[in-house]
Amino acid sequence: VQLQASGGGLVQTGGSLRVSCVFSGHTFSLYHVGWFRQAPGKEREFVAIINWSGEKSYYSELLDMRGRFTISRDNAKNTAYLQMNSLTPEDTAVYFCAADESLFSVNYYDTHPYGMKYWGKGTLVTVSS
């Protein structure tokens, strides 16, 4: 399994960005996909996860995203997305996507930010003030 995140870049406060994660090496629809982020000098954080079919999505209970982030997937394109709106400098981080055949609770991912099996290299999102 390989994952490749892309779409990061520089955006102004209040702006929007969509990052993508392309999956390869196996059947995409067998895997749940999550997004995590790691800000400079900080621990990795769980952001969101979407189940294999795309019918269920879950968001971190620790991050104050207030509905600003939306996770989605397109199984026909082997791609998952994270739409980020109303960005603030606090959202500046490397964003990673991950995949796993198993799906656990939000509390699990909030307390185990490395708790998925397959990881891609991240994409840097920088929000300027």
N, C-alpha and C. Protein backbone atom coordinates (compact mmCIF):
# COMPACT_ATOMS: atom_id res chain seq x y z
N VAL A 1 0.86 -1.20 0.00
CA VAL A 1 0.00 0.00 0.00
C VAL A 1 0.89 1.24 0.00
N GLN A 2 0.55 2.17 -0.88
CA GLN A 2 1.26 3.46 -0.92
C GLN A 2 0.25 4.58 -0.88
N LEU A 3 0.63 5.63 -0.21
CA LEU A 3 -0.22 6.81 -0.11
C LEU A 3 0.62 8.03 -0.44
N GLN A 4 0.04 8.93 -1.21
CA GLN A 4 0.75 10.14 -1.58
C GLN A 4 -0.16 11.34 -1.37
N ALA A 5 0.22 12.17 -0.42
CA ALA A 5 -0.55 13.39 -0.17
C ALA A 5 -0.01 14.53 -1.01
N SER A 6 -0.90 15.40 -1.42
CA SER A 6 -0.51 16.57 -2.21
C SER A 6 -1.54 17.67 -2.01
N GLY A 7 -1.22 18.83 -2.55
CA GLY A 7 -2.16 19.94 -2.51
C GLY A 7 -1.86 20.98 -1.46
N GLY A 8 -0.82 20.76 -0.67
CA GLY A 8 -0.46 21.76 0.32
C GLY A 8 0.11 23.01 -0.33
N GLY A 9 0.27 24.04 0.47
CA GLY A 9 0.82 25.28 -0.06
C GLY A 9 0.64 26.41 0.93
N LEU A 10 0.84 27.61 0.43
CA LEU A 10 0.72 28.82 1.25
C LEU A 10 -0.64 29.47 1.00
N VAL A 11 -1.35 29.75 2.07
CA VAL A 11 -2.67 30.38 1.97
C VAL A 11 -2.79 31.44 3.06
N GLN A 12 -3.55 32.46 2.80
CA GLN A 12 -3.75 33.52 3.79
C GLN A 12 -4.80 33.12 4.81
N THR A 13 -4.75 33.74 5.95
CA THR A 13 -5.76 33.52 6.99
C THR A 13 -7.15 33.75 6.40
N GLY A 14 -8.04 32.81 6.71
CA GLY A 14 -9.40 32.90 6.19
C GLY A 14 -9.60 32.19 4.87
N GLY A 15 -8.50 31.76 4.28
CA GLY A 15 -8.58 31.09 2.99
C GLY A 15 -8.93 29.62 3.10
N SER A 16 -8.99 28.98 1.96
CA SER A 16 -9.35 27.56 1.88
C SER A 16 -8.30 26.79 1.08
N LEU A 17 -8.24 25.51 1.37
CA LEU A 17 -7.32 24.64 0.67
C LEU A 17 -7.88 23.22 0.72
N ARG A 18 -7.68 22.47 -0.35
CA ARG A 18 -8.06 21.06 -0.33
C ARG A 18 -6.81 20.22 -0.59
N VAL A 19 -6.51 19.35 0.33
CA VAL A 19 -5.40 18.43 0.14
C VAL A 19 -5.95 17.07 -0.28
N SER A 20 -5.16 16.36 -1.08
CA SER A 20 -5.58 15.08 -1.63
C SER A 20 -4.63 13.98 -1.22
N CYS A 21 -5.14 12.76 -1.24
CA CYS A 21 -4.34 11.59 -0.90
C CYS A 21 -4.65 10.50 -1.91
N VAL A 22 -3.68 10.18 -2.73
CA VAL A 22 -3.85 9.13 -3.73
C VAL A 22 -3.34 7.81 -3.17
N PHE A 23 -4.16 6.79 -3.29
CA PHE A 23 -3.89 5.46 -2.75
C PHE A 23 -3.54 4.52 -3.88
N SER A 24 -2.57 3.64 -3.66
CA SER A 24 -2.23 2.64 -4.68
C SER A 24 -1.70 1.38 -4.01
N GLY A 25 -1.66 0.31 -4.75
CA GLY A 25 -1.07 -0.93 -4.27
C GLY A 25 -2.05 -1.94 -3.73
N HIS A 26 -3.30 -1.59 -3.63
CA HIS A 26 -4.30 -2.53 -3.15
C HIS A 26 -5.67 -1.95 -3.49
N THR A 27 -6.72 -2.62 -3.04
CA THR A 27 -8.08 -2.16 -3.32
C THR A 27 -8.47 -1.06 -2.34
N PHE A 28 -8.61 0.13 -2.85
CA PHE A 28 -8.84 1.31 -2.03
C PHE A 28 -10.06 1.16 -1.13
N SER A 29 -11.11 0.59 -1.67
CA SER A 29 -12.38 0.53 -0.94
C SER A 29 -12.34 -0.45 0.23
N LEU A 30 -11.22 -1.13 0.42
CA LEU A 30 -11.08 -2.01 1.59
C LEU A 30 -10.50 -1.27 2.79
N TYR A 31 -10.14 0.00 2.58
CA TYR A 31 -9.40 0.73 3.60
C TYR A 31 -10.15 1.98 4.07
N HIS A 32 -10.05 2.20 5.35
CA HIS A 32 -10.48 3.46 5.92
C HIS A 32 -9.30 4.44 5.83
N VAL A 33 -9.60 5.71 5.63
CA VAL A 33 -8.53 6.70 5.42
C VAL A 33 -8.64 7.82 6.44
N GLY A 34 -7.52 8.16 7.01
CA GLY A 34 -7.49 9.24 7.99
C GLY A 34 -6.53 10.34 7.60
N TRP A 35 -6.77 11.51 8.14
CA TRP A 35 -5.86 12.65 8.00
C TRP A 35 -5.35 13.03 9.39
N PHE A 36 -4.06 13.28 9.44
CA PHE A 36 -3.39 13.71 10.66
C PHE A 36 -2.53 14.91 10.30
N ARG A 37 -2.11 15.66 11.32
CA ARG A 37 -1.23 16.79 11.03
C ARG A 37 -0.20 16.94 12.13
N GLN A 38 0.91 17.57 11.76
CA GLN A 38 1.98 17.80 12.72
C GLN A 38 2.55 19.18 12.48
N ALA A 39 2.35 20.05 13.45
CA ALA A 39 2.88 21.41 13.38
C ALA A 39 4.34 21.40 13.83
N PRO A 40 5.11 22.38 13.40
CA PRO A 40 6.53 22.43 13.79
C PRO A 40 6.70 22.39 15.30
N GLY A 41 7.51 21.46 15.78
CA GLY A 41 7.79 21.37 17.20
C GLY A 41 6.68 20.78 18.05
N LYS A 42 5.65 20.28 17.41
CA LYS A 42 4.52 19.72 18.15
C LYS A 42 4.30 18.26 17.81
N GLU A 43 3.47 17.62 18.63
CA GLU A 43 3.13 16.24 18.39
C GLU A 43 2.15 16.11 17.23
N ARG A 44 2.13 14.95 16.62
CA ARG A 44 1.16 14.68 15.57
C ARG A 44 -0.25 14.64 16.17
N GLU A 45 -1.21 15.14 15.42
CA GLU A 45 -2.60 15.19 15.86
C GLU A 45 -3.52 14.49 14.86
N PHE A 46 -4.52 13.86 15.38
CA PHE A 46 -5.57 13.28 14.53
C PHE A 46 -6.50 14.40 14.09
N VAL A 47 -6.89 14.37 12.81
CA VAL A 47 -7.81 15.37 12.28
C VAL A 47 -9.17 14.75 11.97
N ALA A 48 -9.18 13.74 11.10
CA ALA A 48 -10.45 13.16 10.67
C ALA A 48 -10.20 11.80 10.04
N ILE A 49 -11.27 11.01 9.97
CA ILE A 49 -11.18 9.71 9.32
C ILE A 49 -12.49 9.43 8.61
N ILE A 50 -12.41 8.70 7.51
CA ILE A 50 -13.59 8.35 6.74
C ILE A 50 -13.59 6.85 6.52
N ASN A 51 -14.75 6.25 6.60
CA ASN A 51 -14.79 4.79 6.48
C ASN A 51 -14.64 4.37 5.02
N TRP A 52 -14.58 3.10 4.77
CA TRP A 52 -14.25 2.57 3.45
C TRP A 52 -15.22 3.03 2.37
N SER A 53 -16.49 3.17 2.71
CA SER A 53 -17.49 3.51 1.71
C SER A 53 -17.68 5.01 1.55
N GLY A 54 -17.19 5.76 2.52
CA GLY A 54 -17.41 7.20 2.50
C GLY A 54 -18.70 7.61 3.17
N GLU A 55 -19.45 6.66 3.70
CA GLU A 55 -20.74 6.98 4.31
C GLU A 55 -20.61 7.53 5.72
N LYS A 56 -19.47 7.25 6.36
CA LYS A 56 -19.29 7.70 7.73
C LYS A 56 -17.95 8.41 7.88
N SER A 57 -17.99 9.56 8.51
CA SER A 57 -16.77 10.31 8.78
C SER A 57 -16.77 10.79 10.22
N TYR A 58 -15.59 10.91 10.75
CA TYR A 58 -15.45 11.25 12.16
C TYR A 58 -14.33 12.28 12.29
N TYR A 59 -14.48 13.16 13.25
CA TYR A 59 -13.52 14.24 13.42
C TYR A 59 -12.99 14.27 14.84
N SER A 60 -11.78 14.78 14.96
CA SER A 60 -11.14 14.86 16.27
C SER A 60 -12.02 15.60 17.26
N GLU A 61 -12.02 15.09 18.47
CA GLU A 61 -12.74 15.76 19.55
C GLU A 61 -11.82 16.71 20.32
N LEU A 62 -10.54 16.71 19.96
CA LEU A 62 -9.58 17.58 20.64
C LEU A 62 -9.31 18.86 19.88
N LEU A 63 -9.43 18.81 18.57
CA LEU A 63 -9.16 20.00 17.77
C LEU A 63 -10.43 20.82 17.60
N ASP A 64 -10.28 22.12 17.66
CA ASP A 64 -11.42 23.01 17.49
C ASP A 64 -11.55 23.36 16.02
N MET A 65 -12.11 22.44 15.26
CA MET A 65 -12.26 22.69 13.82
C MET A 65 -13.57 23.37 13.49
N ARG A 66 -14.56 23.26 14.42
CA ARG A 66 -15.84 23.97 14.28
C ARG A 66 -16.43 23.83 12.89
N GLY A 67 -16.35 22.63 12.34
CA GLY A 67 -16.96 22.39 11.05
C GLY A 67 -16.17 22.96 9.88
N ARG A 68 -14.96 23.43 10.13
CA ARG A 68 -14.19 24.04 9.04
C ARG A 68 -13.59 23.01 8.11
N PHE A 69 -13.36 21.79 8.61
CA PHE A 69 -12.72 20.75 7.81
C PHE A 69 -13.73 19.69 7.41
N THR A 70 -13.61 19.18 6.19
CA THR A 70 -14.48 18.12 5.70
C THR A 70 -13.64 17.06 5.02
N ILE A 71 -13.79 15.82 5.46
CA ILE A 71 -13.09 14.71 4.84
C ILE A 71 -14.04 14.03 3.86
N SER A 72 -13.50 13.57 2.75
CA SER A 72 -14.31 12.88 1.74
C SER A 72 -13.40 11.92 0.98
N ARG A 73 -14.02 11.11 0.13
CA ARG A 73 -13.26 10.19 -0.69
C ARG A 73 -14.00 9.89 -1.97
N ASP A 74 -13.23 9.50 -2.97
CA ASP A 74 -13.79 9.07 -4.25
C ASP A 74 -13.15 7.73 -4.57
N ASN A 75 -13.88 6.67 -4.32
CA ASN A 75 -13.29 5.34 -4.51
C ASN A 75 -12.98 5.05 -5.98
N ALA A 76 -13.69 5.68 -6.88
CA ALA A 76 -13.40 5.47 -8.30
C ALA A 76 -12.05 6.07 -8.70
N LYS A 77 -11.61 7.05 -7.93
CA LYS A 77 -10.34 7.72 -8.22
C LYS A 77 -9.24 7.32 -7.24
N ASN A 78 -9.55 6.41 -6.33
CA ASN A 78 -8.57 5.98 -5.33
C ASN A 78 -7.99 7.16 -4.56
N THR A 79 -8.85 8.10 -4.26
CA THR A 79 -8.37 9.34 -3.66
C THR A 79 -9.25 9.77 -2.49
N ALA A 80 -8.60 10.27 -1.45
CA ALA A 80 -9.30 10.88 -0.33
C ALA A 80 -8.91 12.35 -0.27
N TYR A 81 -9.79 13.13 0.33
CA TYR A 81 -9.59 14.59 0.36
C TYR A 81 -9.82 15.13 1.77
N LEU A 82 -9.21 16.27 2.02
CA LEU A 82 -9.51 17.04 3.22
C LEU A 82 -9.69 18.48 2.79
N GLN A 83 -10.93 18.94 2.83
CA GLN A 83 -11.25 20.33 2.50
C GLN A 83 -11.14 21.16 3.76
N MET A 84 -10.35 22.22 3.70
CA MET A 84 -10.10 23.05 4.87
C MET A 84 -10.51 24.48 4.56
N ASN A 85 -11.42 25.01 5.35
CA ASN A 85 -11.92 26.36 5.17
C ASN A 85 -11.60 27.22 6.37
N SER A 86 -11.69 28.52 6.20
CA SER A 86 -11.45 29.48 7.28
C SER A 86 -10.16 29.17 8.03
N LEU A 87 -9.11 28.98 7.26
CA LEU A 87 -7.83 28.58 7.85
C LEU A 87 -7.22 29.69 8.69
N THR A 88 -6.54 29.28 9.73
CA THR A 88 -5.83 30.20 10.62
C THR A 88 -4.37 29.77 10.71
N PRO A 89 -3.49 30.63 11.18
CA PRO A 89 -2.08 30.23 11.32
C PRO A 89 -1.90 28.98 12.20
N GLU A 90 -2.83 28.74 13.11
CA GLU A 90 -2.75 27.55 13.96
C GLU A 90 -2.95 26.26 13.17
N ASP A 91 -3.44 26.35 11.96
CA ASP A 91 -3.61 25.18 11.11
C ASP A 91 -2.35 24.86 10.32
N THR A 92 -1.33 25.69 10.44
CA THR A 92 -0.07 25.43 9.75
C THR A 92 0.55 24.14 10.27
N ALA A 93 0.81 23.21 9.34
CA ALA A 93 1.32 21.89 9.72
C ALA A 93 1.61 21.08 8.46
N VAL A 94 2.31 19.99 8.66
CA VAL A 94 2.39 18.97 7.61
C VAL A 94 1.19 18.06 7.79
N TYR A 95 0.45 17.86 6.73
CA TYR A 95 -0.74 17.04 6.77
C TYR A 95 -0.43 15.68 6.15
N PHE A 96 -0.72 14.63 6.91
CA PHE A 96 -0.45 13.25 6.49
C PHE A 96 -1.76 12.51 6.28
N CYS A 97 -1.79 11.64 5.28
CA CYS A 97 -2.90 10.72 5.17
C CYS A 97 -2.41 9.32 5.54
N ALA A 98 -3.34 8.53 6.02
CA ALA A 98 -3.03 7.17 6.46
C ALA A 98 -4.20 6.26 6.13
N ALA A 99 -3.94 4.97 6.07
CA ALA A 99 -4.97 4.01 5.74
C ALA A 99 -4.83 2.76 6.60
N ASP A 100 -5.96 2.11 6.81
CA ASP A 100 -5.96 0.90 7.63
C ASP A 100 -7.22 0.11 7.31
N GLU A 101 -7.13 -1.20 7.41
CA GLU A 101 -8.32 -2.03 7.20
C GLU A 101 -9.27 -1.96 8.40
N SER A 102 -8.73 -1.58 9.53
CA SER A 102 -9.53 -1.51 10.75
C SER A 102 -9.91 -0.07 11.05
N LEU A 103 -11.04 0.08 11.69
CA LEU A 103 -11.54 1.40 12.09
C LEU A 103 -11.80 1.39 13.58
N PHE A 104 -11.21 2.37 14.26
CA PHE A 104 -11.36 2.47 15.70
C PHE A 104 -12.10 3.76 16.06
N SER A 105 -12.23 4.01 17.33
CA SER A 105 -13.00 5.16 17.78
C SER A 105 -12.21 6.46 17.62
N VAL A 106 -12.93 7.56 17.66
CA VAL A 106 -12.29 8.87 17.61
C VAL A 106 -11.34 9.02 18.80
N ASN A 107 -11.77 8.57 19.95
CA ASN A 107 -10.92 8.66 21.13
C ASN A 107 -9.62 7.91 20.92
N TYR A 108 -9.67 6.79 20.22
CA TYR A 108 -8.45 6.02 19.96
C TYR A 108 -7.48 6.85 19.11
N TYR A 109 -7.97 7.44 18.04
CA TYR A 109 -7.08 8.21 17.17
C TYR A 109 -6.60 9.49 17.84
N ASP A 110 -7.45 10.09 18.67
CA ASP A 110 -7.03 11.30 19.39
C ASP A 110 -5.89 10.98 20.37
N THR A 111 -5.87 9.78 20.89
CA THR A 111 -4.85 9.41 21.87
C THR A 111 -3.73 8.55 21.27
N HIS A 112 -3.92 8.12 20.03
CA HIS A 112 -2.91 7.32 19.32
C HIS A 112 -2.72 7.89 17.92
N PRO A 113 -2.08 9.04 17.80
CA PRO A 113 -1.97 9.72 16.51
C PRO A 113 -1.07 9.03 15.49
N TYR A 114 -0.51 7.88 15.85
CA TYR A 114 0.22 7.06 14.89
C TYR A 114 -0.49 5.72 14.69
N GLY A 115 -1.76 5.67 15.11
CA GLY A 115 -2.47 4.41 15.19
C GLY A 115 -3.12 3.89 13.92
N MET A 116 -2.51 4.17 12.76
CA MET A 116 -2.98 3.56 11.52
C MET A 116 -1.81 2.85 10.86
N LYS A 117 -2.12 1.89 10.01
CA LYS A 117 -1.10 0.97 9.53
C LYS A 117 -0.21 1.55 8.44
N TYR A 118 -0.81 2.21 7.47
CA TYR A 118 -0.04 2.70 6.32
C TYR A 118 -0.06 4.22 6.29
N TRP A 119 1.10 4.78 5.99
CA TRP A 119 1.24 6.24 6.00
C TRP A 119 1.90 6.73 4.72
N GLY A 120 1.48 7.90 4.30
CA GLY A 120 2.15 8.56 3.20
C GLY A 120 3.02 9.68 3.71
N LYS A 121 3.85 10.20 2.82
CA LYS A 121 4.59 11.41 3.17
C LYS A 121 3.62 12.58 3.19
N GLY A 122 3.86 13.52 4.03
CA GLY A 122 2.93 14.60 4.22
C GLY A 122 3.05 15.71 3.19
N THR A 123 2.10 16.60 3.27
CA THR A 123 2.12 17.80 2.44
C THR A 123 2.00 19.01 3.36
N LEU A 124 2.84 20.01 3.13
CA LEU A 124 2.92 21.16 4.03
C LEU A 124 1.86 22.19 3.70
N VAL A 125 1.12 22.58 4.72
CA VAL A 125 0.15 23.66 4.62
C VAL A 125 0.63 24.80 5.51
N THR A 126 0.80 25.96 4.91
CA THR A 126 1.26 27.13 5.66
C THR A 126 0.21 28.22 5.54
N VAL A 127 -0.27 28.69 6.67
CA VAL A 127 -1.28 29.74 6.69
C VAL A 127 -0.63 31.01 7.21
N SER A 128 -0.61 32.03 6.39
CA SER A 128 0.03 33.29 6.78
C SER A 128 -0.98 34.21 7.46
N SER A 129 -0.47 35.00 8.39
CA SER A 129 -1.35 35.91 9.13
C SER A 129 -1.48 37.25 8.43
